N, C-alpha and C. Protein backbone atom coordinates (compact mmCIF):
# COMPACT_ATOMS: atom_id res chain seq x y z
N MET A 1 7.32 -64.04 -15.46
CA MET A 1 7.24 -62.58 -14.59
C MET A 1 5.91 -62.07 -14.88
N GLN A 2 5.37 -61.48 -13.81
CA GLN A 2 4.33 -61.01 -13.50
C GLN A 2 3.90 -59.59 -13.27
N TYR A 3 3.42 -58.73 -14.08
CA TYR A 3 3.28 -57.40 -13.67
C TYR A 3 2.69 -56.87 -12.36
N VAL A 4 3.22 -56.32 -11.66
CA VAL A 4 2.58 -55.91 -10.28
C VAL A 4 2.55 -54.13 -10.32
N GLN A 5 1.35 -53.66 -10.07
CA GLN A 5 1.14 -52.09 -10.18
C GLN A 5 1.78 -51.69 -8.96
N PRO A 6 2.53 -50.37 -9.34
CA PRO A 6 3.39 -49.73 -8.22
C PRO A 6 2.22 -49.29 -7.12
N PRO A 7 3.01 -48.93 -5.92
CA PRO A 7 1.94 -48.56 -5.12
C PRO A 7 1.34 -47.21 -5.21
N GLY A 8 0.07 -47.22 -5.02
CA GLY A 8 -0.95 -45.87 -5.38
C GLY A 8 -1.51 -45.77 -6.86
N ALA A 9 -0.89 -46.64 -7.54
CA ALA A 9 -1.41 -46.61 -9.18
C ALA A 9 -2.96 -46.84 -9.44
N GLY A 10 -3.63 -47.43 -8.51
CA GLY A 10 -4.95 -47.64 -8.52
C GLY A 10 -5.65 -46.74 -8.14
N ASN A 11 -5.02 -45.44 -7.77
CA ASN A 11 -5.95 -44.38 -7.25
C ASN A 11 -5.25 -43.06 -7.77
N ALA A 12 -5.33 -43.02 -8.92
CA ALA A 12 -4.54 -42.19 -9.72
C ALA A 12 -5.68 -40.73 -9.61
N ALA A 13 -6.77 -41.01 -9.52
CA ALA A 13 -7.99 -39.88 -9.58
C ALA A 13 -7.62 -39.03 -8.16
N GLY A 14 -7.39 -39.93 -7.03
CA GLY A 14 -7.17 -39.37 -5.74
C GLY A 14 -6.11 -38.27 -5.82
N PHE A 15 -4.98 -38.88 -6.53
CA PHE A 15 -3.76 -37.96 -6.44
C PHE A 15 -3.99 -36.74 -7.16
N VAL A 16 -4.88 -36.72 -8.28
CA VAL A 16 -5.07 -35.65 -9.09
C VAL A 16 -5.99 -34.68 -8.10
N ASP A 17 -6.89 -35.24 -7.31
CA ASP A 17 -7.66 -34.37 -6.57
C ASP A 17 -6.98 -33.74 -5.30
N ILE A 18 -5.85 -34.54 -5.03
CA ILE A 18 -4.80 -33.87 -3.94
C ILE A 18 -3.90 -32.73 -4.61
N LEU A 19 -3.54 -33.03 -5.76
CA LEU A 19 -2.89 -31.95 -6.52
C LEU A 19 -3.72 -30.80 -6.75
N HIS A 20 -4.92 -30.58 -7.03
CA HIS A 20 -5.73 -29.65 -7.29
C HIS A 20 -5.93 -29.06 -6.06
N ALA A 21 -6.19 -29.73 -4.86
CA ALA A 21 -6.39 -29.20 -3.59
C ALA A 21 -5.23 -28.26 -3.04
N THR A 22 -4.14 -28.85 -3.36
CA THR A 22 -2.79 -28.28 -3.20
C THR A 22 -2.56 -26.88 -3.98
N LEU A 23 -2.96 -26.99 -5.19
CA LEU A 23 -2.93 -25.80 -6.07
C LEU A 23 -3.75 -24.81 -5.61
N ARG A 24 -5.01 -24.93 -5.41
CA ARG A 24 -6.08 -24.12 -4.87
C ARG A 24 -5.53 -23.30 -3.39
N GLY A 25 -5.04 -24.29 -2.65
CA GLY A 25 -4.42 -23.52 -1.39
C GLY A 25 -3.21 -22.71 -1.90
N ALA A 26 -2.34 -22.85 -2.58
CA ALA A 26 -1.35 -21.89 -3.14
C ALA A 26 -1.97 -20.76 -3.81
N GLY A 27 -2.95 -21.00 -4.57
CA GLY A 27 -3.50 -19.77 -5.14
C GLY A 27 -4.47 -18.78 -4.29
N CYS A 28 -4.81 -19.24 -3.14
CA CYS A 28 -5.45 -18.60 -2.11
C CYS A 28 -4.59 -17.47 -1.35
N ARG A 29 -3.29 -17.89 -1.54
CA ARG A 29 -1.98 -16.95 -0.87
C ARG A 29 -2.29 -15.61 -1.68
N TRP A 30 -2.32 -15.60 -3.01
CA TRP A 30 -2.61 -14.52 -3.93
C TRP A 30 -4.02 -14.01 -4.18
N ASN A 31 -4.97 -14.71 -3.57
CA ASN A 31 -6.49 -14.36 -3.93
C ASN A 31 -6.59 -14.88 -5.46
N ALA A 32 -5.88 -15.93 -5.86
CA ALA A 32 -6.12 -16.21 -7.35
C ALA A 32 -7.35 -17.16 -7.51
N PRO A 33 -7.86 -16.87 -8.61
CA PRO A 33 -9.31 -17.99 -9.01
C PRO A 33 -8.84 -19.24 -9.18
N GLU A 34 -9.66 -20.09 -9.10
CA GLU A 34 -9.38 -21.55 -9.01
C GLU A 34 -9.03 -21.89 -10.50
N TRP A 35 -9.76 -21.36 -11.62
CA TRP A 35 -8.98 -21.56 -12.99
C TRP A 35 -7.79 -21.23 -13.23
N LEU A 36 -7.12 -20.50 -12.54
CA LEU A 36 -5.81 -19.97 -12.67
C LEU A 36 -4.66 -20.98 -11.80
N ALA A 37 -5.28 -21.36 -10.82
CA ALA A 37 -4.50 -22.38 -10.03
C ALA A 37 -4.34 -23.62 -10.47
N THR A 38 -5.64 -24.13 -10.99
CA THR A 38 -5.67 -25.57 -11.42
C THR A 38 -5.51 -25.82 -13.07
N GLY A 39 -5.91 -24.71 -13.91
CA GLY A 39 -5.74 -24.71 -15.22
C GLY A 39 -7.07 -25.26 -15.75
N SER A 40 -8.07 -25.22 -14.80
CA SER A 40 -9.41 -25.74 -15.42
C SER A 40 -10.15 -24.35 -16.04
N GLY A 41 -10.74 -24.71 -17.18
CA GLY A 41 -11.35 -23.71 -17.94
C GLY A 41 -13.04 -24.01 -17.87
N ALA A 42 -13.21 -24.78 -16.84
CA ALA A 42 -14.90 -25.28 -17.00
C ALA A 42 -15.83 -24.29 -16.49
N ASP A 43 -15.34 -23.23 -15.80
CA ASP A 43 -16.49 -22.27 -15.26
C ASP A 43 -16.02 -20.79 -15.95
N MET A 44 -16.65 -20.63 -17.10
CA MET A 44 -16.11 -19.26 -17.90
C MET A 44 -16.48 -18.18 -17.09
N ALA A 45 -17.73 -18.35 -16.32
CA ALA A 45 -18.29 -16.94 -15.66
C ALA A 45 -17.03 -16.54 -14.54
N ALA A 46 -16.58 -17.65 -13.96
CA ALA A 46 -15.48 -17.30 -12.85
C ALA A 46 -14.24 -16.69 -13.62
N TYR A 47 -13.87 -17.31 -14.83
CA TYR A 47 -12.74 -16.70 -15.54
C TYR A 47 -13.11 -15.33 -15.95
N THR A 48 -14.04 -14.88 -16.44
CA THR A 48 -14.42 -13.59 -17.05
C THR A 48 -14.49 -12.72 -15.67
N ALA A 49 -15.25 -13.07 -14.66
CA ALA A 49 -15.00 -12.10 -13.52
C ALA A 49 -13.92 -11.89 -12.81
N SER A 50 -12.80 -12.73 -12.89
CA SER A 50 -11.50 -12.57 -12.35
C SER A 50 -10.50 -11.55 -13.42
N LEU A 51 -11.17 -11.29 -14.51
CA LEU A 51 -10.28 -10.57 -15.32
C LEU A 51 -10.87 -9.10 -15.10
N THR A 52 -11.65 -8.67 -14.31
CA THR A 52 -12.20 -7.38 -14.12
C THR A 52 -11.09 -6.63 -13.35
N ALA A 53 -10.90 -5.35 -13.32
CA ALA A 53 -9.72 -4.54 -12.50
C ALA A 53 -9.96 -4.55 -11.02
N HIS A 54 -11.45 -5.00 -10.80
CA HIS A 54 -11.67 -4.89 -9.19
C HIS A 54 -11.56 -6.24 -8.59
N ALA A 55 -11.33 -7.29 -9.37
CA ALA A 55 -11.28 -8.71 -8.79
C ALA A 55 -10.07 -8.50 -7.66
N PRO A 56 -10.21 -9.44 -6.79
CA PRO A 56 -9.47 -9.63 -5.67
C PRO A 56 -8.00 -10.05 -5.99
N PHE A 57 -7.75 -10.98 -7.18
CA PHE A 57 -6.58 -11.20 -7.25
C PHE A 57 -5.66 -10.38 -8.28
N VAL A 58 -6.62 -9.47 -9.13
CA VAL A 58 -5.80 -8.31 -9.78
C VAL A 58 -5.30 -7.32 -8.69
N ARG A 59 -6.33 -6.96 -7.91
CA ARG A 59 -5.64 -6.18 -6.64
C ARG A 59 -4.58 -6.62 -6.00
N SER A 60 -4.52 -7.79 -5.56
CA SER A 60 -3.33 -8.22 -4.64
C SER A 60 -2.24 -8.30 -5.53
N ALA A 61 -2.20 -8.82 -6.88
CA ALA A 61 -1.07 -9.01 -7.76
C ALA A 61 -0.63 -7.31 -8.04
N THR A 62 -1.50 -6.46 -8.17
CA THR A 62 -0.94 -5.09 -8.52
C THR A 62 -0.23 -4.61 -7.37
N GLN A 63 -0.63 -4.81 -6.18
CA GLN A 63 -0.02 -4.16 -4.82
C GLN A 63 1.41 -4.87 -4.60
N LYS A 64 1.34 -6.30 -5.05
CA LYS A 64 2.76 -6.97 -4.88
C LYS A 64 3.75 -6.36 -5.99
N GLN A 65 2.92 -6.17 -7.11
CA GLN A 65 3.96 -5.70 -8.21
C GLN A 65 4.59 -4.38 -7.96
N ASN A 66 3.98 -3.51 -7.20
CA ASN A 66 4.13 -2.18 -6.76
C ASN A 66 5.32 -2.23 -5.82
N ALA A 67 5.41 -3.18 -4.92
CA ALA A 67 6.34 -3.36 -4.06
C ALA A 67 7.79 -3.89 -4.62
N TYR A 68 7.42 -4.77 -5.67
CA TYR A 68 8.56 -5.47 -6.33
C TYR A 68 9.22 -4.47 -7.22
N LYS A 69 8.51 -3.35 -7.76
CA LYS A 69 8.97 -2.43 -8.76
C LYS A 69 9.94 -1.55 -8.09
N LYS A 70 9.74 -1.24 -6.74
CA LYS A 70 10.55 -0.38 -5.97
C LYS A 70 12.14 -1.04 -5.90
N VAL A 71 11.94 -2.27 -5.82
CA VAL A 71 13.29 -3.07 -5.60
C VAL A 71 14.06 -3.20 -6.73
N PHE A 72 13.32 -3.65 -7.95
CA PHE A 72 13.97 -3.69 -9.23
C PHE A 72 14.47 -2.62 -9.81
N THR A 73 13.51 -1.30 -9.62
CA THR A 73 13.93 -0.20 -10.02
C THR A 73 15.33 0.31 -9.39
N GLN A 74 15.46 0.06 -8.04
CA GLN A 74 16.82 0.40 -7.36
C GLN A 74 17.88 -0.34 -7.89
N VAL A 75 17.70 -1.57 -8.31
CA VAL A 75 18.93 -2.40 -8.82
C VAL A 75 19.15 -1.95 -10.19
N LEU A 76 18.33 -1.57 -10.96
CA LEU A 76 18.69 -0.66 -12.32
C LEU A 76 19.41 0.46 -12.13
N TRP A 77 18.94 1.21 -11.15
CA TRP A 77 19.86 2.67 -11.01
C TRP A 77 21.14 2.37 -10.56
N GLU A 78 21.22 1.22 -9.66
CA GLU A 78 22.59 1.00 -9.10
C GLU A 78 23.66 0.54 -10.31
N ALA A 79 22.85 -0.22 -11.28
CA ALA A 79 23.60 -0.68 -12.53
C ALA A 79 24.09 0.55 -13.32
N ILE A 80 23.11 1.39 -13.47
CA ILE A 80 23.62 2.53 -14.19
C ILE A 80 24.70 3.34 -13.70
N GLU A 81 24.48 3.62 -12.23
CA GLU A 81 25.70 4.42 -11.71
C GLU A 81 26.89 3.68 -11.69
N LEU A 82 26.93 2.41 -11.68
CA LEU A 82 28.10 1.52 -11.75
C LEU A 82 28.79 1.41 -13.19
N ALA A 83 27.91 1.64 -14.17
CA ALA A 83 28.35 1.86 -15.61
C ALA A 83 28.80 3.21 -15.90
N ILE A 84 28.14 4.31 -15.26
CA ILE A 84 28.91 5.65 -15.36
C ILE A 84 30.15 5.61 -14.70
N ASP A 85 30.12 4.92 -13.50
CA ASP A 85 31.65 5.07 -12.76
C ASP A 85 32.79 4.38 -13.66
N TYR A 86 32.37 3.49 -14.46
CA TYR A 86 33.36 2.84 -15.13
C TYR A 86 33.62 3.23 -16.50
N GLY A 87 32.96 4.35 -16.67
CA GLY A 87 32.95 4.93 -18.06
C GLY A 87 32.20 4.31 -19.42
N ARG A 88 31.33 3.77 -18.96
CA ARG A 88 30.51 2.66 -20.13
C ARG A 88 29.24 3.79 -20.51
N LEU A 89 28.81 4.57 -19.72
CA LEU A 89 27.73 5.45 -20.01
C LEU A 89 28.07 6.72 -19.60
N PRO A 90 27.54 7.86 -20.33
CA PRO A 90 27.87 9.17 -20.33
C PRO A 90 27.47 9.69 -18.85
N LEU A 91 28.02 10.75 -18.33
CA LEU A 91 27.43 11.31 -17.01
C LEU A 91 26.04 11.88 -16.98
N GLU A 92 25.47 12.34 -18.13
CA GLU A 92 24.27 12.68 -17.97
C GLU A 92 22.85 11.76 -18.29
N THR A 93 23.57 10.28 -18.17
CA THR A 93 22.66 9.48 -18.31
C THR A 93 21.19 9.59 -17.53
N PRO A 94 21.59 9.57 -16.07
CA PRO A 94 20.47 9.60 -15.22
C PRO A 94 19.45 10.66 -15.48
N HIS A 95 19.95 11.67 -16.46
CA HIS A 95 18.86 12.77 -16.62
C HIS A 95 18.30 12.69 -17.97
N LEU A 96 18.62 11.55 -18.79
CA LEU A 96 18.11 11.27 -19.88
C LEU A 96 17.16 10.07 -19.94
N ILE A 97 17.11 9.43 -19.03
CA ILE A 97 16.17 8.03 -19.10
C ILE A 97 15.14 8.41 -17.66
N ASP A 98 14.08 7.46 -18.08
CA ASP A 98 13.26 7.32 -16.81
C ASP A 98 12.99 5.77 -16.62
N ILE A 99 13.10 5.24 -15.59
CA ILE A 99 12.67 3.74 -15.32
C ILE A 99 11.47 3.63 -14.40
């Protein structure tokens, strides 16, 4: 028997390059910095700059979180109302908590 390399085994570096390009493309959707998409910490200046409150990634993530917050908060209130209806929580619960 003789070992035969599988297809593409000789070009592993090429596959890693393709993977990083794909991850960078996905990160662009959120304005994510390259280090976040690829896990590369080679450029510490880019890492530090991306942590500021005015970085494009931070702004877009915060904006998306605000939209998600409204939906998730509504689900929690509906669960609380259902628990009140079934007698699991007291009637004054909505006045006692803030979500």
